[in-house]
Protein backbone atom coordinates (compact mmCIF):
# COMPACT_ATOMS: atom_id res chain seq x y z
CA MET A 1 -145.41 -129.45 -221.01
CA PRO A 2 -144.16 -126.79 -218.91
CA ALA A 3 -141.23 -125.12 -218.48
CA LEU A 4 -139.17 -126.66 -216.06
CA LEU A 5 -136.83 -124.80 -214.12
CA PRO A 6 -132.96 -126.65 -213.39
CA SER A 7 -133.35 -127.71 -210.21
CA GLU A 8 -136.86 -129.59 -210.70
CA LEU A 9 -135.06 -131.94 -213.10
CA PRO A 10 -135.30 -135.30 -213.90
CA VAL A 11 -138.84 -135.97 -214.27
CA ARG A 12 -139.77 -138.86 -211.92
CA ALA A 13 -142.89 -139.88 -213.23
CA ARG A 14 -145.66 -138.52 -215.73
CA THR A 15 -149.35 -139.82 -216.46
CA ARG A 16 -152.72 -138.79 -217.59
CA HIS A 17 -156.01 -139.82 -216.93
CA HIS A 18 -156.91 -142.93 -218.44
CA TRP A 19 -159.25 -143.66 -221.69
CA ILE A 20 -161.92 -144.70 -219.41
CA VAL A 21 -163.01 -141.10 -219.11
CA LEU A 22 -163.54 -140.63 -222.39
CA TRP A 23 -166.99 -142.86 -221.47
CA ARG A 24 -168.07 -140.21 -218.32
CA PRO A 25 -171.29 -139.13 -219.30
CA PRO A 26 -171.37 -135.78 -220.87
CA HIS A 27 -172.37 -131.74 -219.14
CA LYS A 28 -176.03 -131.94 -218.79
CA LEU A 29 -176.73 -129.47 -221.16
CA LEU A 30 -174.86 -131.57 -224.33
CA THR A 31 -176.64 -134.25 -222.77
CA VAL A 32 -179.94 -132.81 -223.46
CA ALA A 33 -178.81 -131.01 -227.01
CA LEU A 34 -178.06 -134.94 -227.78
CA LEU A 35 -181.05 -136.48 -226.85
CA VAL A 36 -183.10 -133.43 -228.92
CA PHE A 37 -180.79 -134.08 -231.87
CA LEU A 38 -181.78 -138.14 -231.27
CA VAL A 39 -185.47 -137.85 -231.41
CA ALA A 40 -185.35 -135.20 -234.29
CA ALA A 41 -183.55 -138.40 -236.09
CA ALA A 42 -186.11 -140.40 -235.72
CA PHE A 43 -189.05 -138.45 -237.19
CA GLN A 44 -186.82 -136.95 -239.54
CA PRO A 45 -184.07 -139.35 -240.87
CA ASN A 46 -182.52 -138.09 -243.88
CA PRO A 47 -181.05 -134.69 -242.89
CA LEU A 48 -180.94 -134.89 -239.13
CA ALA A 49 -179.15 -138.17 -239.28
CA TRP A 50 -176.05 -136.61 -240.75
CA LEU A 51 -176.38 -133.39 -238.63
CA LEU A 52 -176.56 -135.71 -235.63
CA GLY A 53 -173.22 -137.48 -236.82
CA ALA A 54 -171.56 -134.44 -237.64
CA PHE A 55 -172.10 -133.57 -233.76
CA LEU A 56 -171.03 -136.35 -232.43
CA VAL A 57 -167.65 -136.35 -234.38
CA VAL A 58 -167.04 -132.89 -233.05
CA VAL A 59 -167.92 -133.56 -229.74
CA GLY A 60 -166.16 -136.93 -229.47
CA PHE A 61 -163.23 -135.01 -231.30
CA VAL A 62 -163.22 -132.13 -228.83
CA ARG A 63 -162.86 -134.91 -225.77
CA VAL A 64 -160.04 -136.72 -227.06
CA GLN A 65 -158.19 -133.41 -227.23
CA THR A 66 -158.78 -132.22 -224.02
CA TRP A 67 -157.68 -135.86 -222.87
CA GLN A 68 -155.15 -136.00 -224.53
CA ALA A 69 -153.10 -132.57 -223.39
CA GLU A 70 -154.07 -133.41 -219.72
CA GLN A 71 -150.59 -134.34 -217.85
CA ILE A 72 -149.77 -135.14 -214.28
CA ILE A 73 -145.86 -134.91 -213.94
CA LEU A 74 -143.89 -135.70 -210.67
CA THR A 75 -140.79 -133.50 -210.58
CA GLY A 76 -138.03 -133.83 -208.18
CA LYS A 77 -139.69 -130.41 -206.58
CA ARG A 78 -143.34 -130.25 -207.04
CA ILE A 79 -146.74 -132.22 -208.67
CA ILE A 80 -147.36 -130.26 -211.97
CA ARG A 81 -150.86 -130.93 -213.16
CA VAL A 82 -152.01 -129.20 -216.87
CA GLN A 83 -154.97 -129.27 -218.43
CA GLY A 84 -156.56 -127.60 -222.00
CA VAL A 85 -155.57 -127.67 -224.98
CA PRO A 86 -151.81 -125.86 -225.86
CA GLU A 87 -152.96 -123.68 -228.67
CA THR A 88 -156.68 -122.66 -227.11
CA THR A 89 -156.99 -122.54 -223.12
CA SER A 90 -154.67 -124.60 -220.75
CA SER A 91 -153.96 -123.78 -217.11
CA GLU A 92 -151.54 -125.34 -214.96
CA ALA A 93 -151.46 -125.71 -210.87
CA SER A 94 -148.57 -127.52 -208.71
CA LEU A 95 -147.86 -128.35 -205.29
CA ARG A 96 -144.52 -128.59 -203.52
CA VAL A 97 -143.79 -132.29 -203.22
CA ASP A 98 -141.96 -131.23 -199.17
CA ARG A 99 -145.61 -129.72 -198.09
CA ILE A 100 -147.29 -133.51 -199.18
CA SER A 101 -147.87 -134.74 -195.45
CA GLY A 102 -149.76 -137.98 -196.98
CA ALA A 103 -150.60 -139.89 -199.96
CA ARG A 104 -153.55 -142.54 -200.46
CA LEU A 105 -154.20 -144.82 -203.78
CA VAL A 106 -157.84 -146.06 -204.03
CA GLN A 107 -158.29 -148.70 -206.39
CA THR A 108 -161.76 -150.26 -207.30
CA VAL A 109 -162.23 -153.56 -208.86
CA PRO A 110 -162.78 -152.17 -212.32
CA GLY A 111 -159.82 -149.65 -211.71
CA LYS A 112 -157.31 -152.50 -211.03
CA MET A 113 -158.71 -154.35 -214.05
CA PHE A 114 -158.39 -152.00 -216.23
CA GLY A 115 -155.12 -150.04 -214.71
CA TYR A 116 -156.46 -146.73 -213.41
CA GLY A 117 -156.93 -145.12 -209.96
CA THR A 118 -157.16 -141.86 -207.61
CA ILE A 119 -154.66 -140.46 -205.71
CA GLU A 120 -155.23 -138.29 -203.22
CA LEU A 121 -152.74 -135.90 -201.73
CA GLU A 122 -153.04 -134.58 -197.83
CA ALA A 123 -150.83 -131.12 -197.87
CA PRO A 124 -151.77 -127.60 -195.50
CA GLY A 125 -153.58 -125.04 -197.62
CA ASP A 126 -156.17 -125.33 -200.74
CA HIS A 127 -155.27 -127.16 -203.92
CA PRO A 128 -158.12 -128.06 -205.71
CA ASP A 129 -156.90 -129.37 -208.79
CA VAL A 130 -153.79 -131.28 -207.25
CA ARG A 131 -155.05 -132.92 -203.92
CA ARG A 132 -157.39 -135.69 -205.57
CA LEU A 133 -155.74 -136.79 -208.87
CA ALA A 134 -158.97 -139.16 -210.25
CA ASN A 135 -158.95 -141.83 -212.70
CA ILE A 136 -155.03 -141.36 -213.96
CA ALA A 137 -153.08 -144.13 -215.68
CA GLN A 138 -150.56 -146.45 -213.72
CA PRO A 139 -152.17 -145.04 -210.90
CA LYS A 140 -149.51 -147.68 -208.07
CA ILE A 141 -145.85 -146.79 -210.37
CA PHE A 142 -147.06 -143.00 -210.04
CA TYR A 143 -148.19 -143.48 -206.03
CA LEU A 144 -144.64 -145.57 -205.49
CA GLU A 145 -142.54 -142.58 -207.09
CA LEU A 146 -144.41 -140.27 -204.90
CA ARG A 147 -143.72 -142.56 -201.65
CA ARG A 148 -140.66 -142.53 -202.63
CA LEU A 149 -140.05 -138.90 -202.93
CA VAL A 150 -141.24 -137.71 -200.31
CA PHE A 151 -141.04 -140.17 -197.44
CA GLY A 152 -138.02 -142.29 -198.55
CA GLU A 153 -137.41 -145.37 -199.07
CA PRO A 154 -137.31 -147.36 -195.84
CA GLY A 155 -133.62 -149.34 -195.58
CA SER A 156 -131.95 -147.28 -198.58
CA PRO A 157 -129.87 -144.70 -197.58
CA ASP A 158 -129.09 -141.48 -199.60
CA PRO A 159 -126.12 -142.30 -202.02
CA ASP A 160 -124.65 -138.55 -200.85
CA ASP A 161 -124.34 -139.67 -197.17
CA GLU A 162 -121.04 -141.81 -195.67
CA PRO A 163 -122.82 -144.71 -194.37
CA THR A 164 -122.92 -144.25 -190.03
CA GLU A 165 -122.03 -146.49 -187.69
CA TYR A 166 -123.76 -147.19 -184.86
CA VAL A 167 -121.46 -148.22 -181.69
CA THR A 168 -123.20 -150.51 -179.58
CA GLU A 169 -122.17 -151.48 -176.05
CA PRO A 170 -122.95 -154.82 -174.13
CA LEU A 171 -125.84 -154.97 -171.87
CA PRO A 172 -125.12 -153.77 -168.49
CA VAL A 173 -125.53 -157.47 -165.90
CA LEU A 174 -128.63 -156.80 -163.77
CA PRO A 175 -128.24 -157.66 -160.07
CA GLU A 176 -130.39 -160.67 -159.04
CA ARG A 177 -133.43 -159.85 -157.16
CA PRO A 178 -134.84 -162.11 -154.71
CA ARG A 179 -137.42 -164.44 -155.23
CA PHE A 180 -140.23 -164.61 -153.25
CA GLY A 181 -142.16 -167.33 -152.15
CA ARG A 182 -140.91 -170.88 -150.20
CA ARG A 183 -137.48 -171.38 -150.63
CA ARG A 184 -136.13 -174.93 -150.73
CA PHE A 185 -132.79 -175.79 -148.64
């Protein structure tokens, strides 16, 4: 978890990629290597089958570690996206909440079934790592909290503000206008 300033606390929402991202296709070079190992294991099953199995276990382990290490954190001041395994290489990108001018939640049918979606943020400037939060878990909860923080909640006054009373007056009486057309006597 990144170091947060005291003004950013408490953390409003936290999420990560959904587990479905573990099933996305691997890098093209990794796919070619996997196919070479698979063909070689078909012709020479004993030694290469063990090598193929070890290779798949290592690739799966690295993928799960990378997935577990990524976090998306919403504080009172910014959205932070942390990527990478902390013991090796990690990166952190953030976007101030007051810079967000719009947000969009996109959920496909499989996304609704399995509970993942994409949040697209509109903000001035270039924020490539934070602008599109793809395939995150529990996107609706994160989106609603983000909307509540950015746009406020309609109908719910700020607890720090005193209630405002609006003075209203009765509507003015308008003079009657003559009607055009036939008059009845």
